[in-house]
Amino acid sequence: MRVRNREGNFSIIHMDEYVYQLLTEELFYEITLPFLPTRLKLESDGMISPRISPLQKEYENEVSQIF
């Protein structure tokens, strides 16, 4: 993706860099972005259910075999 920086020059960035900047920066291209709460905050407030990894059972089996 081709973007213009503050000096007026163009640079090339990848789409994942663009999305990362949108998710992490407070100000992006002179636009104030809304604050996004973290997943842990949403889980602790009961707004979403905790994430359960598909690999959790495998991990627990491996740990139980070690100890």
C-alpha atoms as a PDB file:
ATOM      1  CA  MET A   1       0.000   0.000   0.000  1.00  0.00           C
ATOM      2  CA  ARG A   2       1.368   3.421  -0.857  1.00  0.00           C
ATOM      3  CA  VAL A   3       0.940   6.084   1.852  1.00  0.00           C
ATOM      4  CA  ARG A   4       1.991   9.706   2.163  1.00  0.00           C
ATOM      5  CA  ASN A   5       3.885  10.740   5.282  1.00  0.00           C
ATOM      6  CA  ARG A   6       3.854  14.137   7.019  1.00  0.00           C
ATOM      7  CA  GLU A   7       6.653  15.497   4.830  1.00  0.00           C
ATOM      8  CA  GLY A   8       4.619  14.769   1.700  1.00  0.00           C
ATOM      9  CA  ASN A   9       6.776  11.844   0.576  1.00  0.00           C
ATOM     10  CA  PHE A  10       5.327   8.486  -0.327  1.00  0.00           C
ATOM     11  CA  SER A  11       6.328   5.177   1.194  1.00  0.00           C
ATOM     12  CA  ILE A  12       5.192   1.609   0.787  1.00  0.00           C
ATOM     13  CA  ILE A  13       3.809  -0.343   3.752  1.00  0.00           C
ATOM     14  CA  HIS A  14       2.196  -3.755   3.980  1.00  0.00           C
ATOM     15  CA  MET A  15      -1.480  -4.083   4.814  1.00  0.00           C
ATOM     16  CA  ASP A  16      -0.743  -5.793   8.141  1.00  0.00           C
ATOM     17  CA  GLU A  17       1.410  -2.786   9.149  1.00  0.00           C
ATOM     18  CA  TYR A  18      -1.482  -0.476   8.275  1.00  0.00           C
ATOM     19  CA  VAL A  19      -3.969  -2.508  10.345  1.00  0.00           C
ATOM     20  CA  TYR A  20      -1.509  -2.720  13.271  1.00  0.00           C
ATOM     21  CA  GLN A  21      -1.156   1.073  13.261  1.00  0.00           C
ATOM     22  CA  LEU A  22      -4.935   1.468  13.213  1.00  0.00           C
ATOM     23  CA  LEU A  23      -5.260  -0.829  16.238  1.00  0.00           C
ATOM     24  CA  THR A  24      -2.401   0.606  18.310  1.00  0.00           C
ATOM     25  CA  GLU A  25      -2.037   4.328  17.525  1.00  0.00           C
ATOM     26  CA  GLU A  26      -4.147   7.064  19.111  1.00  0.00           C
ATOM     27  CA  LEU A  27      -3.698   9.414  16.152  1.00  0.00           C
ATOM     28  CA  PHE A  28      -3.460   8.056  12.623  1.00  0.00           C
ATOM     29  CA  TYR A  29      -3.262  10.302   9.553  1.00  0.00           C
ATOM     30  CA  GLU A  30      -4.567  13.255  11.573  1.00  0.00           C
ATOM     31  CA  ILE A  31      -7.619  11.264  12.695  1.00  0.00           C
ATOM     32  CA  THR A  32      -8.182  10.577  16.389  1.00  0.00           C
ATOM     33  CA  LEU A  33      -9.009   6.901  16.735  1.00  0.00           C
ATOM     34  CA  PRO A  34     -11.285   5.457  19.438  1.00  0.00           C
ATOM     35  CA  PHE A  35      -9.750   3.524  22.306  1.00  0.00           C
ATOM     36  CA  LEU A  36     -10.164  -0.254  22.016  1.00  0.00           C
ATOM     37  CA  PRO A  37     -10.298  -2.143  25.329  1.00  0.00           C
ATOM     38  CA  THR A  38      -8.118  -5.217  25.710  1.00  0.00           C
ATOM     39  CA  ARG A  39      -9.555  -8.716  25.597  1.00  0.00           C
ATOM     40  CA  LEU A  40      -8.624  -9.260  29.254  1.00  0.00           C
ATOM     41  CA  LYS A  41     -10.625  -6.179  30.263  1.00  0.00           C
ATOM     42  CA  LEU A  42     -13.662  -7.329  28.262  1.00  0.00           C
ATOM     43  CA  GLU A  43     -13.399 -10.821  29.788  1.00  0.00           C
ATOM     44  CA  SER A  44     -13.122  -9.461  33.338  1.00  0.00           C
ATOM     45  CA  ASP A  45     -16.167  -7.224  32.781  1.00  0.00           C
ATOM     46  CA  GLY A  46     -18.152 -10.249  31.555  1.00  0.00           C
ATOM     47  CA  MET A  47     -18.744  -8.754  28.115  1.00  0.00           C
ATOM     48  CA  ILE A  48     -17.158 -11.720  26.297  1.00  0.00           C
ATOM     49  CA  SER A  49     -16.390 -15.283  27.291  1.00  0.00           C
ATOM     50  CA  PRO A  50     -12.804 -16.338  27.968  1.00  0.00           C
ATOM     51  CA  ARG A  51     -10.935 -17.634  24.948  1.00  0.00           C
ATOM     52  CA  ILE A  52     -10.337 -21.360  25.039  1.00  0.00           C
ATOM     53  CA  SER A  53      -7.474 -22.578  22.896  1.00  0.00           C
ATOM     54  CA  PRO A  54      -8.087 -25.648  20.746  1.00  0.00           C
ATOM     55  CA  LEU A  55      -4.699 -26.862  21.978  1.00  0.00           C
ATOM     56  CA  GLN A  56      -5.556 -26.561  25.687  1.00  0.00           C
ATOM     57  CA  LYS A  57      -6.444 -30.246  26.149  1.00  0.00           C
ATOM     58  CA  GLU A  58      -3.257 -31.335  24.357  1.00  0.00           C
ATOM     59  CA  TYR A  59      -1.207 -29.033  26.578  1.00  0.00           C
ATOM     60  CA  GLU A  60      -2.840 -30.340  29.754  1.00  0.00           C
ATOM     61  CA  ASN A  61      -2.194 -33.953  28.650  1.00  0.00           C
ATOM     62  CA  GLU A  62       1.491 -33.198  28.017  1.00  0.00           C
ATOM     63  CA  VAL A  63       1.877 -31.412  31.363  1.00  0.00           C
ATOM     64  CA  SER A  64       0.159 -34.230  33.259  1.00  0.00           C
ATOM     65  CA  GLN A  65       2.547 -36.774  31.685  1.00  0.00           C
ATOM     66  CA  ILE A  66       5.590 -34.763  32.773  1.00  0.00           C
ATOM     67  CA  PHE A  67       4.512 -34.435  36.405  1.00  0.00           C
END
